[in-house]
Amino acid sequence: MLGRFMPQEGRFFDLFNLHAHEIEEGGRELLALMKAIGSGTDDIERHARAIDAIEKRADVHTRDTIQLLHKTFITPLDREEIHRLISNMDDVLDLMQDAAESVSLYDITAVTSEATELAEICLGCCERVKSAVALISNMEHAVAIMKICEEIDRLESDADRVMRSAISKLFRSERDAVQLIKLKAIYELLESVTDRCNDVANVLEGIVIENA
């Protein structure tokens, strides 16, 4: 039973939870960043810096997990599962950082309601990643974990639908080719965040199947 583990083994779950907390915080900052665009304040830069700091903290948790994996003889989960989980979690924040950097790089001064909607879906996915990760130390929560993973999958499908609709609208109505390219890139980055959250959910589902 995963609910019983030695102190050294338990550190893996502590690190997963620390990283998942950063993912949720990153999601909140990403949504705030999208809402700040066009506000005429310096909030864009502030939120971008916050995402960068969050991503760097998450990198430390990823590195600590990999180092612990190399030093631990008996692990609470399959070693490959641990590596896949923390790597996929790290990918989520890497993409958030890419999205934030792209806003500055492309000098985005206005976004559409679809971009904000995508950021809201990103946050929903991130919140659920945190919730699911918090439960994996005990497979008595297997049913709850699987339910949360299904919710993440549904949100990822919603994001895909919103992105396709947004890009279609963009090509029909945006006359500025440069603006079109910029917004299309932002849409795709935001949707990719939900893809990576779904990758995390897939790993969690595999852990449940193997250990429940």
N, C-alpha and C. Protein backbone atom coordinates (compact mmCIF):
# COMPACT_ATOMS: atom_id res chain seq x y z
N MET A 1 0.85 -1.19 0.00
CA MET A 1 0.00 0.00 0.00
C MET A 1 0.89 1.24 0.00
N LEU A 2 0.59 2.16 -0.96
CA LEU A 2 1.44 3.34 -1.05
C LEU A 2 1.27 4.28 0.12
N GLY A 3 0.21 4.07 0.90
CA GLY A 3 0.02 4.93 2.06
C GLY A 3 1.07 4.70 3.13
N ARG A 4 1.79 3.57 3.04
CA ARG A 4 2.85 3.27 4.00
C ARG A 4 4.20 3.33 3.29
N PHE A 5 5.02 4.26 3.69
CA PHE A 5 6.32 4.36 3.05
C PHE A 5 7.36 4.83 4.06
N MET A 6 8.61 4.48 3.80
CA MET A 6 9.71 4.92 4.65
C MET A 6 9.91 6.42 4.46
N PRO A 7 10.52 7.11 5.45
CA PRO A 7 10.73 8.55 5.32
C PRO A 7 11.42 8.96 4.02
N GLN A 8 12.44 8.23 3.60
CA GLN A 8 13.15 8.57 2.37
C GLN A 8 12.22 8.47 1.17
N GLU A 9 11.36 7.44 1.18
CA GLU A 9 10.42 7.26 0.09
C GLU A 9 9.38 8.38 0.08
N GLY A 10 8.98 8.80 1.26
CA GLY A 10 7.97 9.84 1.38
C GLY A 10 8.41 11.16 0.81
N ARG A 11 9.70 11.38 0.75
CA ARG A 11 10.21 12.64 0.19
C ARG A 11 9.80 12.81 -1.26
N PHE A 12 9.63 11.73 -1.99
CA PHE A 12 9.19 11.84 -3.38
C PHE A 12 7.83 12.53 -3.45
N PHE A 13 6.91 12.12 -2.59
CA PHE A 13 5.58 12.71 -2.61
C PHE A 13 5.62 14.17 -2.17
N ASP A 14 6.51 14.49 -1.23
CA ASP A 14 6.68 15.89 -0.83
C ASP A 14 7.13 16.74 -2.02
N LEU A 15 8.07 16.22 -2.78
CA LEU A 15 8.58 16.95 -3.94
C LEU A 15 7.53 17.07 -5.04
N PHE A 16 6.76 16.00 -5.25
CA PHE A 16 5.67 16.07 -6.23
C PHE A 16 4.69 17.18 -5.84
N ASN A 17 4.36 17.23 -4.55
CA ASN A 17 3.39 18.23 -4.09
C ASN A 17 3.93 19.65 -4.19
N LEU A 18 5.21 19.81 -3.90
CA LEU A 18 5.83 21.13 -4.05
C LEU A 18 5.76 21.59 -5.50
N HIS A 19 6.08 20.67 -6.41
CA HIS A 19 6.05 21.01 -7.83
C HIS A 19 4.63 21.30 -8.29
N ALA A 20 3.68 20.50 -7.83
CA ALA A 20 2.28 20.70 -8.23
C ALA A 20 1.76 22.05 -7.73
N HIS A 21 2.22 22.46 -6.56
CA HIS A 21 1.85 23.78 -6.04
C HIS A 21 2.36 24.88 -6.98
N GLU A 22 3.58 24.72 -7.47
CA GLU A 22 4.14 25.71 -8.41
C GLU A 22 3.33 25.73 -9.71
N ILE A 23 2.88 24.56 -10.15
CA ILE A 23 2.07 24.50 -11.37
C ILE A 23 0.78 25.30 -11.20
N GLU A 24 0.13 25.11 -10.07
CA GLU A 24 -1.10 25.86 -9.83
C GLU A 24 -0.83 27.36 -9.77
N GLU A 25 0.23 27.76 -9.08
CA GLU A 25 0.58 29.17 -8.99
C GLU A 25 0.91 29.73 -10.37
N GLY A 26 1.61 28.94 -11.17
CA GLY A 26 1.92 29.36 -12.53
C GLY A 26 0.66 29.58 -13.34
N GLY A 27 -0.31 28.69 -13.18
CA GLY A 27 -1.58 28.84 -13.88
C GLY A 27 -2.30 30.13 -13.49
N ARG A 28 -2.25 30.46 -12.21
CA ARG A 28 -2.90 31.70 -11.75
C ARG A 28 -2.21 32.93 -12.34
N GLU A 29 -0.89 32.89 -12.35
CA GLU A 29 -0.14 34.03 -12.90
C GLU A 29 -0.35 34.15 -14.41
N LEU A 30 -0.46 33.02 -15.10
CA LEU A 30 -0.67 33.05 -16.55
C LEU A 30 -2.02 33.69 -16.88
N LEU A 31 -3.05 33.32 -16.14
CA LEU A 31 -4.36 33.93 -16.36
C LEU A 31 -4.31 35.42 -16.04
N ALA A 32 -3.65 35.78 -14.94
CA ALA A 32 -3.53 37.19 -14.58
C ALA A 32 -2.78 37.96 -15.65
N LEU A 33 -1.77 37.33 -16.24
CA LEU A 33 -1.00 37.96 -17.31
C LEU A 33 -1.89 38.26 -18.51
N MET A 34 -2.70 37.27 -18.91
CA MET A 34 -3.58 37.47 -20.06
C MET A 34 -4.59 38.59 -19.79
N LYS A 35 -5.08 38.64 -18.57
CA LYS A 35 -6.05 39.69 -18.21
C LYS A 35 -5.41 41.06 -18.13
N ALA A 36 -4.10 41.09 -17.86
CA ALA A 36 -3.40 42.37 -17.72
C ALA A 36 -3.06 43.01 -19.06
N ILE A 37 -3.00 42.20 -20.12
CA ILE A 37 -2.64 42.72 -21.44
C ILE A 37 -3.69 43.73 -21.89
N GLY A 38 -3.21 44.89 -22.27
CA GLY A 38 -4.12 45.94 -22.72
C GLY A 38 -4.64 46.82 -21.60
N SER A 39 -4.21 46.54 -20.37
CA SER A 39 -4.69 47.32 -19.23
C SER A 39 -3.95 48.65 -19.08
N GLY A 40 -2.81 48.78 -19.77
CA GLY A 40 -2.05 50.01 -19.68
C GLY A 40 -1.23 50.13 -18.41
N THR A 41 -1.05 49.03 -17.69
CA THR A 41 -0.25 49.04 -16.46
C THR A 41 1.02 48.22 -16.67
N ASP A 42 1.85 48.17 -15.62
CA ASP A 42 3.08 47.38 -15.70
C ASP A 42 2.86 45.96 -15.17
N ASP A 43 1.58 45.57 -15.03
CA ASP A 43 1.26 44.26 -14.48
C ASP A 43 1.74 43.13 -15.38
N ILE A 44 1.82 43.36 -16.68
CA ILE A 44 2.26 42.31 -17.60
C ILE A 44 3.66 41.84 -17.21
N GLU A 45 4.56 42.79 -17.04
CA GLU A 45 5.94 42.45 -16.69
C GLU A 45 6.01 41.79 -15.32
N ARG A 46 5.19 42.26 -14.40
CA ARG A 46 5.19 41.69 -13.05
C ARG A 46 4.77 40.23 -13.07
N HIS A 47 3.70 39.93 -13.81
CA HIS A 47 3.23 38.55 -13.89
C HIS A 47 4.22 37.66 -14.65
N ALA A 48 4.85 38.23 -15.67
CA ALA A 48 5.85 37.46 -16.43
C ALA A 48 7.03 37.11 -15.54
N ARG A 49 7.46 38.06 -14.72
CA ARG A 49 8.57 37.79 -13.79
C ARG A 49 8.17 36.74 -12.77
N ALA A 50 6.92 36.80 -12.32
CA ALA A 50 6.44 35.82 -11.34
C ALA A 50 6.46 34.41 -11.94
N ILE A 51 6.03 34.28 -13.20
CA ILE A 51 6.04 32.97 -13.85
C ILE A 51 7.47 32.47 -14.00
N ASP A 52 8.38 33.36 -14.33
CA ASP A 52 9.79 32.97 -14.47
C ASP A 52 10.33 32.46 -13.13
N ALA A 53 10.00 33.14 -12.05
CA ALA A 53 10.47 32.74 -10.72
C ALA A 53 9.85 31.39 -10.33
N ILE A 54 8.58 31.20 -10.64
CA ILE A 54 7.90 29.94 -10.34
C ILE A 54 8.56 28.79 -11.10
N GLU A 55 8.84 29.02 -12.37
CA GLU A 55 9.47 27.98 -13.20
C GLU A 55 10.84 27.60 -12.65
N LYS A 56 11.59 28.57 -12.17
CA LYS A 56 12.91 28.29 -11.61
C LYS A 56 12.80 27.49 -10.32
N ARG A 57 11.81 27.80 -9.49
CA ARG A 57 11.61 27.01 -8.26
C ARG A 57 11.22 25.58 -8.61
N ALA A 58 10.38 25.44 -9.62
CA ALA A 58 9.96 24.10 -10.04
C ALA A 58 11.15 23.30 -10.58
N ASP A 59 12.06 23.97 -11.27
CA ASP A 59 13.26 23.29 -11.76
C ASP A 59 14.07 22.70 -10.62
N VAL A 60 14.11 23.41 -9.50
CA VAL A 60 14.83 22.90 -8.32
C VAL A 60 14.14 21.64 -7.81
N HIS A 61 12.81 21.64 -7.76
CA HIS A 61 12.08 20.45 -7.29
C HIS A 61 12.30 19.28 -8.25
N THR A 62 12.36 19.57 -9.54
CA THR A 62 12.62 18.52 -10.53
C THR A 62 14.01 17.94 -10.32
N ARG A 63 14.99 18.82 -10.17
CA ARG A 63 16.36 18.36 -9.96
C ARG A 63 16.50 17.56 -8.67
N ASP A 64 15.86 18.03 -7.61
CA ASP A 64 15.91 17.31 -6.34
C ASP A 64 15.28 15.91 -6.46
N THR A 65 14.21 15.83 -7.22
CA THR A 65 13.54 14.53 -7.41
C THR A 65 14.44 13.57 -8.17
N ILE A 66 15.07 14.03 -9.23
CA ILE A 66 15.96 13.17 -10.02
C ILE A 66 17.16 12.72 -9.19
N GLN A 67 17.71 13.65 -8.41
CA GLN A 67 18.85 13.30 -7.56
C GLN A 67 18.43 12.27 -6.51
N LEU A 68 17.25 12.46 -5.91
CA LEU A 68 16.76 11.52 -4.91
C LEU A 68 16.52 10.15 -5.55
N LEU A 69 16.05 10.15 -6.77
CA LEU A 69 15.80 8.90 -7.48
C LEU A 69 17.10 8.11 -7.64
N HIS A 70 18.19 8.81 -7.92
CA HIS A 70 19.48 8.14 -8.09
C HIS A 70 20.05 7.62 -6.76
N LYS A 71 19.62 8.23 -5.66
CA LYS A 71 20.19 7.86 -4.36
C LYS A 71 19.33 6.88 -3.58
N THR A 72 18.10 6.64 -4.05
CA THR A 72 17.17 5.81 -3.29
C THR A 72 17.10 4.40 -3.86
N PHE A 73 17.32 3.41 -3.02
CA PHE A 73 17.31 2.02 -3.48
C PHE A 73 15.88 1.51 -3.67
N ILE A 74 15.02 1.77 -2.68
CA ILE A 74 13.62 1.34 -2.76
C ILE A 74 12.76 2.59 -2.94
N THR A 75 12.05 2.64 -4.04
CA THR A 75 11.20 3.80 -4.33
C THR A 75 9.73 3.42 -4.19
N PRO A 76 8.87 4.38 -3.84
CA PRO A 76 7.45 4.08 -3.60
C PRO A 76 6.66 3.80 -4.89
N LEU A 77 7.22 4.25 -6.01
CA LEU A 77 6.63 4.01 -7.32
C LEU A 77 7.72 3.47 -8.23
N ASP A 78 7.32 2.90 -9.34
CA ASP A 78 8.29 2.47 -10.33
C ASP A 78 9.20 3.64 -10.70
N ARG A 79 10.48 3.39 -10.84
CA ARG A 79 11.45 4.46 -11.08
C ARG A 79 11.11 5.23 -12.36
N GLU A 80 10.71 4.51 -13.39
CA GLU A 80 10.36 5.17 -14.65
C GLU A 80 9.12 6.04 -14.47
N GLU A 81 8.17 5.60 -13.66
CA GLU A 81 6.97 6.40 -13.40
C GLU A 81 7.32 7.70 -12.69
N ILE A 82 8.23 7.61 -11.73
CA ILE A 82 8.67 8.82 -11.02
C ILE A 82 9.30 9.80 -11.99
N HIS A 83 10.18 9.28 -12.84
CA HIS A 83 10.87 10.15 -13.80
C HIS A 83 9.89 10.77 -14.78
N ARG A 84 8.96 9.97 -15.29
CA ARG A 84 7.98 10.48 -16.25
C ARG A 84 7.07 11.52 -15.60
N LEU A 85 6.66 11.27 -14.37
CA LEU A 85 5.75 12.20 -13.71
C LEU A 85 6.41 13.55 -13.50
N ILE A 86 7.59 13.57 -12.91
CA ILE A 86 8.22 14.86 -12.62
C ILE A 86 8.64 15.57 -13.90
N SER A 87 9.03 14.81 -14.93
CA SER A 87 9.42 15.42 -16.20
C SER A 87 8.23 16.06 -16.89
N ASN A 88 7.10 15.37 -16.88
CA ASN A 88 5.90 15.93 -17.50
C ASN A 88 5.37 17.13 -16.73
N MET A 89 5.47 17.07 -15.41
CA MET A 89 5.08 18.23 -14.62
C MET A 89 5.96 19.43 -14.94
N ASP A 90 7.24 19.17 -15.12
CA ASP A 90 8.17 20.25 -15.45
C ASP A 90 7.84 20.87 -16.80
N ASP A 91 7.39 20.03 -17.74
CA ASP A 91 7.03 20.52 -19.07
C ASP A 91 5.88 21.53 -19.01
N VAL A 92 4.96 21.34 -18.07
CA VAL A 92 3.83 22.25 -17.93
C VAL A 92 4.32 23.67 -17.68
N LEU A 93 5.22 23.81 -16.72
CA LEU A 93 5.70 25.15 -16.38
C LEU A 93 6.64 25.71 -17.44
N ASP A 94 7.37 24.84 -18.12
CA ASP A 94 8.22 25.31 -19.22
C ASP A 94 7.37 26.01 -20.28
N LEU A 95 6.21 25.43 -20.59
CA LEU A 95 5.33 26.02 -21.60
C LEU A 95 4.69 27.30 -21.10
N MET A 96 4.36 27.36 -19.82
CA MET A 96 3.84 28.61 -19.27
C MET A 96 4.88 29.72 -19.40
N GLN A 97 6.12 29.38 -19.11
CA GLN A 97 7.19 30.36 -19.25
C GLN A 97 7.34 30.79 -20.71
N ASP A 98 7.25 29.83 -21.64
CA ASP A 98 7.31 30.15 -23.06
C ASP A 98 6.20 31.12 -23.45
N ALA A 99 5.00 30.87 -22.95
CA ALA A 99 3.86 31.74 -23.27
C ALA A 99 4.09 33.15 -22.74
N ALA A 100 4.57 33.25 -21.50
CA ALA A 100 4.82 34.56 -20.90
C ALA A 100 5.92 35.30 -21.65
N GLU A 101 6.98 34.60 -22.01
CA GLU A 101 8.08 35.22 -22.75
C GLU A 101 7.62 35.66 -24.14
N SER A 102 6.74 34.89 -24.74
CA SER A 102 6.25 35.22 -26.08
C SER A 102 5.42 36.50 -26.06
N VAL A 103 4.66 36.73 -24.99
CA VAL A 103 3.89 37.96 -24.87
C VAL A 103 4.81 39.17 -24.95
N SER A 104 5.96 39.08 -24.28
CA SER A 104 6.92 40.17 -24.30
C SER A 104 7.67 40.22 -25.63
N LEU A 105 8.11 39.06 -26.10
CA LEU A 105 8.88 38.99 -27.33
C LEU A 105 8.10 39.51 -28.53
N TYR A 106 6.82 39.13 -28.59
CA TYR A 106 5.98 39.55 -29.72
C TYR A 106 5.33 40.90 -29.51
N ASP A 107 5.60 41.52 -28.35
CA ASP A 107 5.02 42.83 -28.03
C ASP A 107 3.49 42.77 -28.16
N ILE A 108 2.90 41.80 -27.48
CA ILE A 108 1.45 41.64 -27.51
C ILE A 108 0.82 42.74 -26.66
N THR A 109 -0.01 43.57 -27.27
CA THR A 109 -0.64 44.68 -26.55
C THR A 109 -2.14 44.50 -26.40
N ALA A 110 -2.69 43.48 -27.05
CA ALA A 110 -4.12 43.20 -26.93
C ALA A 110 -4.35 41.72 -27.19
N VAL A 111 -5.24 41.11 -26.44
CA VAL A 111 -5.58 39.71 -26.65
C VAL A 111 -7.09 39.58 -26.81
N THR A 112 -7.50 38.48 -27.33
CA THR A 112 -8.92 38.22 -27.55
C THR A 112 -9.53 37.53 -26.32
N SER A 113 -10.84 37.47 -26.30
CA SER A 113 -11.52 36.76 -25.22
C SER A 113 -11.17 35.28 -25.25
N GLU A 114 -10.88 34.76 -26.45
CA GLU A 114 -10.51 33.35 -26.58
C GLU A 114 -9.19 33.05 -25.88
N ALA A 115 -8.24 33.98 -25.95
CA ALA A 115 -6.96 33.78 -25.27
C ALA A 115 -7.15 33.72 -23.76
N THR A 116 -8.01 34.61 -23.26
CA THR A 116 -8.30 34.59 -21.83
C THR A 116 -9.03 33.31 -21.44
N GLU A 117 -9.95 32.86 -22.30
CA GLU A 117 -10.67 31.62 -22.02
C GLU A 117 -9.69 30.44 -21.98
N LEU A 118 -8.74 30.42 -22.89
CA LEU A 118 -7.73 29.35 -22.89
C LEU A 118 -6.91 29.39 -21.60
N ALA A 119 -6.56 30.60 -21.14
CA ALA A 119 -5.80 30.72 -19.90
C ALA A 119 -6.63 30.25 -18.70
N GLU A 120 -7.92 30.48 -18.74
CA GLU A 120 -8.80 29.99 -17.67
C GLU A 120 -8.84 28.47 -17.65
N ILE A 121 -8.88 27.87 -18.84
CA ILE A 121 -8.86 26.40 -18.92
C ILE A 121 -7.52 25.87 -18.42
N CYS A 122 -6.44 26.58 -18.76
CA CYS A 122 -5.12 26.18 -18.26
C CYS A 122 -5.11 26.13 -16.75
N LEU A 123 -5.66 27.16 -16.12
CA LEU A 123 -5.70 27.20 -14.65
C LEU A 123 -6.53 26.04 -14.12
N GLY A 124 -7.66 25.76 -14.76
CA GLY A 124 -8.48 24.63 -14.32
C GLY A 124 -7.71 23.32 -14.36
N CYS A 125 -6.95 23.13 -15.42
CA CYS A 125 -6.11 21.92 -15.53
C CYS A 125 -5.06 21.89 -14.43
N CYS A 126 -4.42 23.03 -14.20
CA CYS A 126 -3.36 23.10 -13.20
C CYS A 126 -3.89 22.81 -11.80
N GLU A 127 -5.06 23.34 -11.50
CA GLU A 127 -5.66 23.09 -10.19
C GLU A 127 -5.93 21.59 -10.00
N ARG A 128 -6.37 20.96 -11.05
CA ARG A 128 -6.68 19.53 -10.95
C ARG A 128 -5.42 18.68 -10.90
N VAL A 129 -4.37 19.11 -11.57
CA VAL A 129 -3.09 18.41 -11.45
C VAL A 129 -2.64 18.43 -10.00
N LYS A 130 -2.74 19.59 -9.37
CA LYS A 130 -2.34 19.69 -7.95
C LYS A 130 -3.19 18.76 -7.09
N SER A 131 -4.50 18.73 -7.33
CA SER A 131 -5.39 17.90 -6.53
C SER A 131 -5.08 16.42 -6.70
N ALA A 132 -4.83 16.00 -7.94
CA ALA A 132 -4.57 14.58 -8.20
C ALA A 132 -3.22 14.16 -7.62
N VAL A 133 -2.22 14.99 -7.79
CA VAL A 133 -0.88 14.67 -7.28
C VAL A 133 -0.92 14.52 -5.76
N ALA A 134 -1.73 15.33 -5.11
CA ALA A 134 -1.82 15.27 -3.64
C ALA A 134 -2.36 13.95 -3.14
N LEU A 135 -3.00 13.18 -4.02
CA LEU A 135 -3.65 11.93 -3.60
C LEU A 135 -2.84 10.67 -3.87
N ILE A 136 -1.77 10.78 -4.66
CA ILE A 136 -1.12 9.55 -5.14
C ILE A 136 -0.30 8.82 -4.08
N SER A 137 -0.11 9.40 -2.92
CA SER A 137 0.64 8.69 -1.89
C SER A 137 -0.18 7.56 -1.26
N ASN A 138 -1.46 7.51 -1.59
CA ASN A 138 -2.32 6.47 -1.01
C ASN A 138 -3.32 6.02 -2.06
N MET A 139 -3.22 4.77 -2.48
CA MET A 139 -4.08 4.27 -3.54
C MET A 139 -5.52 4.02 -3.08
N GLU A 140 -5.81 4.31 -1.82
CA GLU A 140 -7.21 4.32 -1.40
C GLU A 140 -7.97 5.44 -2.13
N HIS A 141 -7.20 6.38 -2.69
CA HIS A 141 -7.79 7.50 -3.43
C HIS A 141 -7.83 7.23 -4.93
N ALA A 142 -7.67 5.98 -5.32
CA ALA A 142 -7.57 5.64 -6.75
C ALA A 142 -8.75 6.15 -7.56
N VAL A 143 -9.96 5.94 -7.06
CA VAL A 143 -11.15 6.36 -7.80
C VAL A 143 -11.17 7.88 -7.97
N ALA A 144 -10.82 8.60 -6.91
CA ALA A 144 -10.81 10.06 -6.96
C ALA A 144 -9.75 10.56 -7.94
N ILE A 145 -8.59 9.92 -7.94
CA ILE A 145 -7.53 10.31 -8.86
C ILE A 145 -7.99 10.13 -10.31
N MET A 146 -8.60 8.99 -10.60
CA MET A 146 -9.06 8.72 -11.96
C MET A 146 -10.13 9.72 -12.38
N LYS A 147 -10.99 10.11 -11.47
CA LYS A 147 -12.03 11.09 -11.78
C LYS A 147 -11.42 12.44 -12.13
N ILE A 148 -10.41 12.85 -11.36
CA ILE A 148 -9.75 14.12 -11.63
C ILE A 148 -9.04 14.07 -12.98
N CYS A 149 -8.42 12.95 -13.28
CA CYS A 149 -7.73 12.80 -14.56
C CYS A 149 -8.72 12.90 -15.72
N GLU A 150 -9.91 12.35 -15.55
CA GLU A 150 -10.95 12.47 -16.57
C GLU A 150 -11.35 13.93 -16.76
N GLU A 151 -11.39 14.69 -15.67
CA GLU A 151 -11.72 16.11 -15.76
C GLU A 151 -10.63 16.87 -16.53
N ILE A 152 -9.38 16.52 -16.30
CA ILE A 152 -8.28 17.16 -17.02
C ILE A 152 -8.39 16.85 -18.51
N ASP A 153 -8.71 15.60 -18.83
CA ASP A 153 -8.87 15.22 -20.23
C ASP A 153 -10.01 16.01 -20.88
N ARG A 154 -11.10 16.19 -20.15
CA ARG A 154 -12.23 16.96 -20.69
C ARG A 154 -11.83 18.41 -20.92
N LEU A 155 -11.08 18.99 -19.98
CA LEU A 155 -10.64 20.37 -20.13
C LEU A 155 -9.68 20.53 -21.31
N GLU A 156 -8.82 19.54 -21.49
CA GLU A 156 -7.90 19.59 -22.64
C GLU A 156 -8.68 19.58 -23.95
N SER A 157 -9.75 18.79 -24.00
CA SER A 157 -10.60 18.76 -25.20
C SER A 157 -11.29 20.10 -25.40
N ASP A 158 -11.72 20.72 -24.29
CA ASP A 158 -12.33 22.05 -24.37
C ASP A 158 -11.34 23.06 -24.93
N ALA A 159 -10.09 23.00 -24.46
CA ALA A 159 -9.06 23.92 -24.92
C ALA A 159 -8.80 23.74 -26.41
N ASP A 160 -8.77 22.50 -26.85
CA ASP A 160 -8.55 22.21 -28.27
C ASP A 160 -9.68 22.81 -29.11
N ARG A 161 -10.90 22.66 -28.62
CA ARG A 161 -12.05 23.22 -29.33
C ARG A 161 -11.98 24.74 -29.39
N VAL A 162 -11.67 25.37 -28.26
CA VAL A 162 -11.57 26.83 -28.21
C VAL A 162 -10.47 27.33 -29.14
N MET A 163 -9.33 26.64 -29.14
CA MET A 163 -8.22 27.06 -30.00
C MET A 163 -8.59 26.97 -31.48
N ARG A 164 -9.21 25.86 -31.88
CA ARG A 164 -9.59 25.71 -33.29
C ARG A 164 -10.57 26.80 -33.71
N SER A 165 -11.53 27.09 -32.84
CA SER A 165 -12.50 28.13 -33.13
C SER A 165 -11.84 29.50 -33.20
N ALA A 166 -10.91 29.75 -32.27
CA ALA A 166 -10.22 31.04 -32.23
C ALA A 166 -9.36 31.26 -33.47
N ILE A 167 -8.66 30.22 -33.89
CA ILE A 167 -7.81 30.36 -35.07
C ILE A 167 -8.66 30.54 -36.32
N SER A 168 -9.75 29.82 -36.40
CA SER A 168 -10.66 29.98 -37.54
C SER A 168 -11.18 31.42 -37.61
N LYS A 169 -11.58 31.96 -36.46
CA LYS A 169 -12.08 33.34 -36.39
C LYS A 169 -10.96 34.32 -36.76
N LEU A 170 -9.76 34.02 -36.31
CA LEU A 170 -8.61 34.88 -36.58
C LEU A 170 -8.36 35.00 -38.08
N PHE A 171 -8.37 33.89 -38.78
CA PHE A 171 -8.10 33.90 -40.21
C PHE A 171 -9.25 34.55 -41.00
N ARG A 172 -10.44 34.56 -40.43
CA ARG A 172 -11.56 35.17 -41.12
C ARG A 172 -11.62 36.68 -40.92
N SER A 173 -11.19 37.15 -39.74
CA SER A 173 -11.44 38.55 -39.40
C SER A 173 -10.20 39.43 -39.21
N GLU A 174 -9.04 38.84 -38.94
CA GLU A 174 -7.85 39.65 -38.68
C GLU A 174 -7.16 40.03 -40.00
N ARG A 175 -7.09 41.32 -40.25
CA ARG A 175 -6.48 41.80 -41.51
C ARG A 175 -4.98 42.07 -41.40
N ASP A 176 -4.51 42.19 -40.18
CA ASP A 176 -3.08 42.43 -39.95
C ASP A 176 -2.38 41.08 -39.85
N ALA A 177 -1.57 40.76 -40.86
CA ALA A 177 -0.92 39.45 -40.92
C ALA A 177 0.02 39.23 -39.73
N VAL A 178 0.71 40.27 -39.32
CA VAL A 178 1.64 40.13 -38.20
C VAL A 178 0.89 39.82 -36.91
N GLN A 179 -0.21 40.55 -36.68
CA GLN A 179 -1.03 40.30 -35.49
C GLN A 179 -1.60 38.90 -35.52
N LEU A 180 -1.99 38.45 -36.70
CA LEU A 180 -2.53 37.09 -36.85
C LEU A 180 -1.51 36.05 -36.41
N ILE A 181 -0.28 36.21 -36.87
CA ILE A 181 0.78 35.26 -36.53
C ILE A 181 1.06 35.27 -35.03
N LYS A 182 1.08 36.46 -34.44
CA LYS A 182 1.34 36.59 -33.01
C LYS A 182 0.27 35.87 -32.18
N LEU A 183 -0.99 36.18 -32.48
CA LEU A 183 -2.07 35.61 -31.69
C LEU A 183 -2.18 34.10 -31.90
N LYS A 184 -1.95 33.65 -33.10
CA LYS A 184 -1.99 32.21 -33.36
C LYS A 184 -0.95 31.48 -32.51
N ALA A 185 0.25 32.07 -32.40
CA ALA A 185 1.31 31.48 -31.59
C ALA A 185 0.90 31.43 -30.11
N ILE A 186 0.27 32.49 -29.62
CA ILE A 186 -0.17 32.52 -28.23
C ILE A 186 -1.25 31.48 -27.98
N TYR A 187 -2.21 31.39 -28.90
CA TYR A 187 -3.25 30.36 -28.77
C TYR A 187 -2.63 28.96 -28.65
N GLU A 188 -1.68 28.69 -29.53
CA GLU A 188 -1.09 27.35 -29.58
C GLU A 188 -0.29 27.05 -28.31
N LEU A 189 0.39 28.05 -27.78
CA LEU A 189 1.15 27.84 -26.54
C LEU A 189 0.21 27.57 -25.37
N LEU A 190 -0.86 28.33 -25.29
CA LEU A 190 -1.82 28.13 -24.20
C LEU A 190 -2.47 26.76 -24.29
N GLU A 191 -2.85 26.36 -25.49
CA GLU A 191 -3.45 25.03 -25.65
C GLU A 191 -2.45 23.94 -25.31
N SER A 192 -1.17 24.17 -25.60
CA SER A 192 -0.14 23.19 -25.30
C SER A 192 0.04 22.98 -23.80
N VAL A 193 -0.22 24.02 -23.01
CA VAL A 193 -0.17 23.87 -21.55
C VAL A 193 -1.18 22.81 -21.11
N THR A 194 -2.37 22.85 -21.69
CA THR A 194 -3.39 21.85 -21.32
C THR A 194 -2.99 20.47 -21.82
N ASP A 195 -2.31 20.41 -22.97
CA ASP A 195 -1.81 19.11 -23.46
C ASP A 195 -0.85 18.49 -22.45
N ARG A 196 0.07 19.31 -21.93
CA ARG A 196 1.05 18.79 -20.99
C ARG A 196 0.40 18.40 -19.67
N CYS A 197 -0.63 19.13 -19.25
CA CYS A 197 -1.37 18.73 -18.05
C CYS A 197 -2.04 17.37 -18.28
N ASN A 198 -2.53 17.16 -19.49
CA ASN A 198 -3.14 15.88 -19.81
C ASN A 198 -2.10 14.77 -19.83
N ASP A 199 -0.87 15.10 -20.24
CA ASP A 199 0.22 14.12 -20.17
C ASP A 199 0.46 13.70 -18.72
N VAL A 200 0.43 14.68 -17.81
CA VAL A 200 0.58 14.37 -16.38
C VAL A 200 -0.55 13.45 -15.94
N ALA A 201 -1.77 13.76 -16.36
CA ALA A 201 -2.92 12.94 -16.00
C ALA A 201 -2.75 11.52 -16.51
N ASN A 202 -2.22 11.36 -17.71
CA ASN A 202 -2.00 10.02 -18.27
C ASN A 202 -1.00 9.23 -17.43
N VAL A 203 0.04 9.90 -16.96
CA VAL A 203 1.01 9.24 -16.09
C VAL A 203 0.35 8.82 -14.78
N LEU A 204 -0.44 9.72 -14.22
CA LEU A 204 -1.13 9.41 -12.96
C LEU A 204 -2.09 8.23 -13.12
N GLU A 205 -2.78 8.19 -14.25
CA GLU A 205 -3.66 7.05 -14.51
C GLU A 205 -2.87 5.75 -14.58
N GLY A 206 -1.70 5.80 -15.20
CA GLY A 206 -0.85 4.62 -15.28
C GLY A 206 -0.39 4.18 -13.90
N ILE A 207 -0.06 5.14 -13.05
CA ILE A 207 0.36 4.81 -11.68
C ILE A 207 -0.76 4.12 -10.92
N VAL A 208 -1.97 4.63 -11.08
CA VAL A 208 -3.13 4.03 -10.42
C VAL A 208 -3.34 2.60 -10.91
N ILE A 209 -3.30 2.42 -12.20
CA ILE A 209 -3.52 1.09 -12.78
C ILE A 209 -2.47 0.09 -12.29
N GLU A 210 -1.23 0.55 -12.17
CA GLU A 210 -0.15 -0.34 -11.76
C GLU A 210 -0.13 -0.63 -10.26
N ASN A 211 -0.67 0.30 -9.47
CA ASN A 211 -0.48 0.19 -8.01
C ASN A 211 -1.75 0.01 -7.20
N ALA A 212 -2.92 0.25 -7.78
CA ALA A 212 -4.15 0.16 -7.00
C ALA A 212 -4.49 -1.30 -6.71
